[in-house]
């Protein structure tokens, strides 16, 4: 019998560098886009209208909401994923976080509104401070909601006006944030008209 010793090449094979992602990575990316599309399809029509989506993708998302058959939903889901390949997903992810209340700014605004509500209900003289910070507030409506919310607390009634007060405060916070985010010249043009 012959002694067979394996031939070992002392030099490792040359490394090959790929100039594109692997097939597995591409599949993960496509699946992530499909999942993002599914989350977008769960949004309301009004929320979808706020997003600046291409017409085909917008219509595909609306169609997905109307399809009831399992196989039809699956195929539409894949079609949405295909359409999603042509757009930048980051602004959509940020919008989803905003709609879901996951963003830090959104959570911060919720806490700020809660603090304002508690201060308005508990401390005297805070109404003027609130009016200075948020000058667009309808003070008459705010006073009515404050009075009714205090009465609800005293009589242990359901907190209907307490919630409305929070919503009013939150609207003012959101309006101020949008005004601060708008370009400086945008408000001047409207004032001239």
C-alpha atoms as a PDB file:
ATOM      1  CA  UNK A   1       0.000   0.000   0.000  1.00  0.00           C
ATOM      2  CA  UNK A   2       1.057   3.390  -0.755  1.00  0.00           C
ATOM      3  CA  UNK A   3       1.445   5.994   1.883  1.00  0.00           C
ATOM      4  CA  UNK A   4      -0.736   8.875   0.910  1.00  0.00           C
ATOM      5  CA  UNK A   5      -0.037  12.063   2.673  1.00  0.00           C
ATOM      6  CA  UNK A   6      -2.265  14.975   1.969  1.00  0.00           C
ATOM      7  CA  UNK A   7      -0.686  17.813   0.119  1.00  0.00           C
ATOM      8  CA  UNK A   8      -1.013  20.995   2.113  1.00  0.00           C
ATOM      9  CA  UNK A   9      -0.610  24.301   0.436  1.00  0.00           C
ATOM     10  CA  UNK A  10       1.303  26.527   2.870  1.00  0.00           C
ATOM     11  CA  UNK A  11      -0.255  29.690   1.461  1.00  0.00           C
ATOM     12  CA  UNK A  12      -3.908  30.410   2.259  1.00  0.00           C
ATOM     13  CA  UNK A  13      -6.172  31.011  -0.696  1.00  0.00           C
ATOM     14  CA  UNK A  14      -6.400  34.636  -1.744  1.00  0.00           C
ATOM     15  CA  UNK A  15      -9.245  36.564  -0.147  1.00  0.00           C
ATOM     16  CA  UNK A  16     -11.967  37.607  -2.480  1.00  0.00           C
ATOM     17  CA  UNK A  17     -13.823  40.785  -1.684  1.00  0.00           C
ATOM     18  CA  UNK A  18     -17.345  41.183  -2.858  1.00  0.00           C
ATOM     19  CA  UNK A  19     -18.459  44.508  -4.133  1.00  0.00           C
ATOM     20  CA  UNK A  20     -22.093  43.841  -3.301  1.00  0.00           C
ATOM     21  CA  UNK A  21     -24.044  42.423  -0.361  1.00  0.00           C
ATOM     22  CA  UNK A  22     -24.488  38.691  -0.054  1.00  0.00           C
ATOM     23  CA  UNK A  23     -27.665  36.995  -1.172  1.00  0.00           C
ATOM     24  CA  UNK A  24     -28.652  36.430   2.452  1.00  0.00           C
ATOM     25  CA  UNK A  25     -28.184  40.111   3.258  1.00  0.00           C
ATOM     26  CA  UNK A  26     -30.260  41.152   0.256  1.00  0.00           C
ATOM     27  CA  UNK A  27     -33.027  38.803   1.391  1.00  0.00           C
ATOM     28  CA  UNK A  28     -32.938  40.250   4.924  1.00  0.00           C
ATOM     29  CA  UNK A  29     -33.166  43.756   3.460  1.00  0.00           C
ATOM     30  CA  UNK A  30     -36.148  42.841   1.277  1.00  0.00           C
ATOM     31  CA  UNK A  31     -37.903  41.168   4.217  1.00  0.00           C
ATOM     32  CA  UNK A  32     -37.318  44.263   6.361  1.00  0.00           C
ATOM     33  CA  UNK A  33     -38.862  46.435   3.629  1.00  0.00           C
ATOM     34  CA  UNK A  34     -41.867  44.107   3.434  1.00  0.00           C
ATOM     35  CA  UNK A  35     -42.313  44.358   7.216  1.00  0.00           C
ATOM     36  CA  UNK A  36     -42.104  48.136   7.004  1.00  0.00           C
ATOM     37  CA  UNK A  37     -44.736  47.997   4.255  1.00  0.00           C
ATOM     38  CA  UNK A  38     -46.983  45.884   6.463  1.00  0.00           C
ATOM     39  CA  UNK A  39     -46.646  48.396   9.309  1.00  0.00           C
ATOM     40  CA  UNK A  40     -47.498  51.190   6.873  1.00  0.00           C
ATOM     41  CA  UNK A  41     -50.561  49.263   5.710  1.00  0.00           C
ATOM     42  CA  UNK A  42     -51.810  49.206   9.311  1.00  0.00           C
ATOM     43  CA  UNK A  43     -51.930  53.020   9.403  1.00  0.00           C
ATOM     44  CA  UNK A  44     -55.186  54.860   8.883  1.00  0.00           C
ATOM     45  CA  UNK A  45     -56.008  56.505   5.563  1.00  0.00           C
ATOM     46  CA  UNK A  46     -55.407  59.941   7.102  1.00  0.00           C
ATOM     47  CA  UNK A  47     -51.962  58.943   8.349  1.00  0.00           C
ATOM     48  CA  UNK A  48     -51.084  57.462   4.959  1.00  0.00           C
ATOM     49  CA  UNK A  49     -52.168  60.696   3.309  1.00  0.00           C
ATOM     50  CA  UNK A  50     -49.710  62.625   5.519  1.00  0.00           C
ATOM     51  CA  UNK A  51     -46.805  60.588   4.192  1.00  0.00           C
ATOM     52  CA  UNK A  52     -45.376  61.616   0.869  1.00  0.00           C
ATOM     53  CA  UNK A  53     -45.526  58.251  -0.858  1.00  0.00           C
ATOM     54  CA  UNK A  54     -45.333  57.484  -4.561  1.00  0.00           C
ATOM     55  CA  UNK A  55     -48.806  57.036  -6.032  1.00  0.00           C
ATOM     56  CA  UNK A  56     -48.344  53.324  -6.796  1.00  0.00           C
ATOM     57  CA  UNK A  57     -47.173  52.527  -3.273  1.00  0.00           C
ATOM     58  CA  UNK A  58     -49.966  54.591  -1.706  1.00  0.00           C
ATOM     59  CA  UNK A  59     -52.574  52.777  -3.795  1.00  0.00           C
ATOM     60  CA  UNK A  60     -50.998  49.374  -3.025  1.00  0.00           C
ATOM     61  CA  UNK A  61     -51.211  50.115   0.713  1.00  0.00           C
ATOM     62  CA  UNK A  62     -54.860  51.124   0.404  1.00  0.00           C
ATOM     63  CA  UNK A  63     -55.568  47.963  -1.608  1.00  0.00           C
ATOM     64  CA  UNK A  64     -53.857  45.843   1.061  1.00  0.00           C
ATOM     65  CA  UNK A  65     -56.305  47.212   3.635  1.00  0.00           C
ATOM     66  CA  UNK A  66     -59.302  46.082   1.582  1.00  0.00           C
ATOM     67  CA  UNK A  67     -58.103  42.555   0.722  1.00  0.00           C
ATOM     68  CA  UNK A  68     -59.531  39.861   2.982  1.00  0.00           C
ATOM     69  CA  UNK A  69     -58.234  36.605   1.455  1.00  0.00           C
ATOM     70  CA  UNK A  70     -55.052  35.281   3.065  1.00  0.00           C
ATOM     71  CA  UNK A  71     -53.295  34.504  -0.219  1.00  0.00           C
ATOM     72  CA  UNK A  72     -54.323  37.839  -1.677  1.00  0.00           C
ATOM     73  CA  UNK A  73     -52.887  39.662   1.351  1.00  0.00           C
ATOM     74  CA  UNK A  74     -49.651  37.689   1.077  1.00  0.00           C
ATOM     75  CA  UNK A  75     -49.212  38.544  -2.592  1.00  0.00           C
ATOM     76  CA  UNK A  76     -50.072  42.211  -2.022  1.00  0.00           C
ATOM     77  CA  UNK A  77     -47.582  42.233   0.867  1.00  0.00           C
ATOM     78  CA  UNK A  78     -44.849  41.036  -1.495  1.00  0.00           C
ATOM     79  CA  UNK A  79     -45.858  43.619  -4.102  1.00  0.00           C
ATOM     80  CA  UNK A  80     -45.600  46.359  -1.465  1.00  0.00           C
ATOM     81  CA  UNK A  81     -42.132  45.083  -0.589  1.00  0.00           C
ATOM     82  CA  UNK A  82     -41.151  45.293  -4.243  1.00  0.00           C
ATOM     83  CA  UNK A  83     -42.393  48.886  -4.499  1.00  0.00           C
ATOM     84  CA  UNK A  84     -40.574  49.773  -1.277  1.00  0.00           C
ATOM     85  CA  UNK A  85     -37.202  48.927  -2.875  1.00  0.00           C
ATOM     86  CA  UNK A  86     -37.315  52.174  -4.872  1.00  0.00           C
ATOM     87  CA  UNK A  87     -37.758  54.553  -1.927  1.00  0.00           C
ATOM     88  CA  UNK A  88     -35.728  55.625   1.098  1.00  0.00           C
ATOM     89  CA  UNK A  89     -37.183  53.773   4.129  1.00  0.00           C
ATOM     90  CA  UNK A  90     -35.705  56.009   6.865  1.00  0.00           C
ATOM     91  CA  UNK A  91     -38.269  58.856   6.657  1.00  0.00           C
ATOM     92  CA  UNK A  92     -41.030  56.238   6.724  1.00  0.00           C
ATOM     93  CA  UNK A  93     -39.562  54.569   9.815  1.00  0.00           C
ATOM     94  CA  UNK A  94     -39.376  57.956  11.547  1.00  0.00           C
ATOM     95  CA  UNK A  95     -42.989  58.688  10.603  1.00  0.00           C
ATOM     96  CA  UNK A  96     -44.078  55.314  11.988  1.00  0.00           C
ATOM     97  CA  UNK A  97     -42.294  56.032  15.247  1.00  0.00           C
ATOM     98  CA  UNK A  98     -44.034  59.389  15.407  1.00  0.00           C
ATOM     99  CA  UNK A  99     -47.452  57.846  14.716  1.00  0.00           C
ATOM    100  CA  UNK A 100     -46.843  55.087  17.253  1.00  0.00           C
ATOM    101  CA  UNK A 101     -45.517  57.512  19.848  1.00  0.00           C
ATOM    102  CA  UNK A 102     -42.165  55.755  19.973  1.00  0.00           C
ATOM    103  CA  UNK A 103     -39.954  58.738  19.255  1.00  0.00           C
ATOM    104  CA  UNK A 104     -38.280  60.499  22.153  1.00  0.00           C
ATOM    105  CA  UNK A 105     -39.721  63.852  21.118  1.00  0.00           C
ATOM    106  CA  UNK A 106     -43.236  62.398  21.089  1.00  0.00           C
ATOM    107  CA  UNK A 107     -42.826  60.873  24.547  1.00  0.00           C
ATOM    108  CA  UNK A 108     -41.304  64.125  25.795  1.00  0.00           C
ATOM    109  CA  UNK A 109     -44.295  66.072  24.466  1.00  0.00           C
ATOM    110  CA  UNK A 110     -46.677  63.675  26.199  1.00  0.00           C
ATOM    111  CA  UNK A 111     -44.886  64.206  29.517  1.00  0.00           C
ATOM    112  CA  UNK A 112     -44.796  67.972  28.990  1.00  0.00           C
ATOM    113  CA  UNK A 113     -48.561  68.051  28.343  1.00  0.00           C
ATOM    114  CA  UNK A 114     -49.161  65.973  31.452  1.00  0.00           C
ATOM    115  CA  UNK A 115     -47.037  68.333  33.579  1.00  0.00           C
ATOM    116  CA  UNK A 116     -48.854  71.395  32.211  1.00  0.00           C
ATOM    117  CA  UNK A 117     -52.233  69.815  32.949  1.00  0.00           C
ATOM    118  CA  UNK A 118     -51.281  69.020  36.532  1.00  0.00           C
ATOM    119  CA  UNK A 119     -49.826  72.501  37.062  1.00  0.00           C
ATOM    120  CA  UNK A 120     -52.889  74.180  35.553  1.00  0.00           C
ATOM    121  CA  UNK A 121     -55.209  72.151  37.773  1.00  0.00           C
ATOM    122  CA  UNK A 122     -53.142  72.469  40.947  1.00  0.00           C
ATOM    123  CA  UNK A 123     -51.410  75.848  40.993  1.00  0.00           C
ATOM    124  CA  UNK A 124     -52.773  79.372  40.859  1.00  0.00           C
ATOM    125  CA  UNK A 125     -51.346  81.820  38.308  1.00  0.00           C
ATOM    126  CA  UNK A 126     -50.129  79.160  35.893  1.00  0.00           C
ATOM    127  CA  UNK A 127     -52.761  80.096  33.318  1.00  0.00           C
ATOM    128  CA  UNK A 128     -50.920  83.335  32.480  1.00  0.00           C
ATOM    129  CA  UNK A 129     -47.623  81.473  32.176  1.00  0.00           C
ATOM    130  CA  UNK A 130     -49.218  78.951  29.837  1.00  0.00           C
ATOM    131  CA  UNK A 131     -50.732  81.765  27.766  1.00  0.00           C
ATOM    132  CA  UNK A 132     -47.282  83.399  27.446  1.00  0.00           C
ATOM    133  CA  UNK A 133     -45.644  80.172  26.280  1.00  0.00           C
ATOM    134  CA  UNK A 134     -48.515  79.204  23.951  1.00  0.00           C
ATOM    135  CA  UNK A 135     -50.104  82.497  22.790  1.00  0.00           C
ATOM    136  CA  UNK A 136     -52.373  80.859  20.190  1.00  0.00           C
ATOM    137  CA  UNK A 137     -54.393  79.135  22.934  1.00  0.00           C
ATOM    138  CA  UNK A 138     -58.110  79.845  23.185  1.00  0.00           C
ATOM    139  CA  UNK A 139     -58.078  80.977  26.820  1.00  0.00           C
ATOM    140  CA  UNK A 140     -61.847  80.931  27.204  1.00  0.00           C
ATOM    141  CA  UNK A 141     -62.001  77.274  26.176  1.00  0.00           C
ATOM    142  CA  UNK A 142     -59.031  76.501  28.438  1.00  0.00           C
ATOM    143  CA  UNK A 143     -60.730  78.152  31.439  1.00  0.00           C
ATOM    144  CA  UNK A 144     -63.946  76.209  30.834  1.00  0.00           C
ATOM    145  CA  UNK A 145     -62.052  72.919  30.599  1.00  0.00           C
ATOM    146  CA  UNK A 146     -60.070  73.728  33.758  1.00  0.00           C
ATOM    147  CA  UNK A 147     -63.228  74.558  35.697  1.00  0.00           C
ATOM    148  CA  UNK A 148     -65.006  71.400  34.505  1.00  0.00           C
ATOM    149  CA  UNK A 149     -61.966  69.170  35.105  1.00  0.00           C
ATOM    150  CA  UNK A 150     -61.659  70.465  38.687  1.00  0.00           C
ATOM    151  CA  UNK A 151     -65.365  69.836  39.221  1.00  0.00           C
ATOM    152  CA  UNK A 152     -64.973  66.287  37.825  1.00  0.00           C
ATOM    153  CA  UNK A 153     -62.163  65.597  40.294  1.00  0.00           C
ATOM    154  CA  UNK A 154     -64.165  66.896  43.249  1.00  0.00           C
ATOM    155  CA  UNK A 155     -67.304  64.918  42.402  1.00  0.00           C
ATOM    156  CA  UNK A 156     -65.428  61.771  41.240  1.00  0.00           C
ATOM    157  CA  UNK A 157     -67.096  61.852  37.830  1.00  0.00           C
ATOM    158  CA  UNK A 158     -65.555  60.233  34.732  1.00  0.00           C
ATOM    159  CA  UNK A 159     -62.625  62.388  33.513  1.00  0.00           C
ATOM    160  CA  UNK A 160     -64.143  63.586  30.226  1.00  0.00           C
ATOM    161  CA  UNK A 161     -63.058  67.229  30.447  1.00  0.00           C
ATOM    162  CA  UNK A 162     -59.816  66.162  32.140  1.00  0.00           C
ATOM    163  CA  UNK A 163     -58.957  64.315  28.907  1.00  0.00           C
ATOM    164  CA  UNK A 164     -60.156  67.197  26.732  1.00  0.00           C
ATOM    165  CA  UNK A 165     -57.864  69.508  28.693  1.00  0.00           C
ATOM    166  CA  UNK A 166     -54.912  67.216  27.935  1.00  0.00           C
ATOM    167  CA  UNK A 167     -55.867  67.174  24.235  1.00  0.00           C
ATOM    168  CA  UNK A 168     -56.043  70.982  24.099  1.00  0.00           C
ATOM    169  CA  UNK A 169     -52.641  71.323  25.767  1.00  0.00           C
ATOM    170  CA  UNK A 170     -51.177  68.689  23.468  1.00  0.00           C
ATOM    171  CA  UNK A 171     -52.536  70.477  20.383  1.00  0.00           C
ATOM    172  CA  UNK A 172     -50.847  73.690  21.527  1.00  0.00           C
ATOM    173  CA  UNK A 173     -47.529  71.905  22.097  1.00  0.00           C
ATOM    174  CA  UNK A 174     -47.731  70.274  18.659  1.00  0.00           C
ATOM    175  CA  UNK A 175     -48.670  73.562  16.971  1.00  0.00           C
ATOM    176  CA  UNK A 176     -45.724  75.321  18.581  1.00  0.00           C
ATOM    177  CA  UNK A 177     -43.333  72.510  17.591  1.00  0.00           C
ATOM    178  CA  UNK A 178     -44.564  72.693  13.968  1.00  0.00           C
ATOM    179  CA  UNK A 179     -44.198  76.479  13.952  1.00  0.00           C
ATOM    180  CA  UNK A 180     -40.636  76.176  15.261  1.00  0.00           C
ATOM    181  CA  UNK A 181     -39.809  73.513  12.661  1.00  0.00           C
ATOM    182  CA  UNK A 182     -41.224  75.553   9.757  1.00  0.00           C
ATOM    183  CA  UNK A 183     -38.747  77.645   7.752  1.00  0.00           C
ATOM    184  CA  UNK A 184     -38.329  81.188   9.051  1.00  0.00           C
ATOM    185  CA  UNK A 185     -39.707  82.842   5.895  1.00  0.00           C
ATOM    186  CA  UNK A 186     -42.830  80.650   5.613  1.00  0.00           C
ATOM    187  CA  UNK A 187     -44.855  82.605   8.191  1.00  0.00           C
ATOM    188  CA  UNK A 188     -43.896  85.958   6.662  1.00  0.00           C
ATOM    189  CA  UNK A 189     -45.344  85.036   3.279  1.00  0.00           C
ATOM    190  CA  UNK A 190     -48.691  84.110   4.821  1.00  0.00           C
ATOM    191  CA  UNK A 191     -48.821  87.392   6.758  1.00  0.00           C
ATOM    192  CA  UNK A 192     -48.359  89.414   3.551  1.00  0.00           C
ATOM    193  CA  UNK A 193     -51.353  87.818   1.802  1.00  0.00           C
END
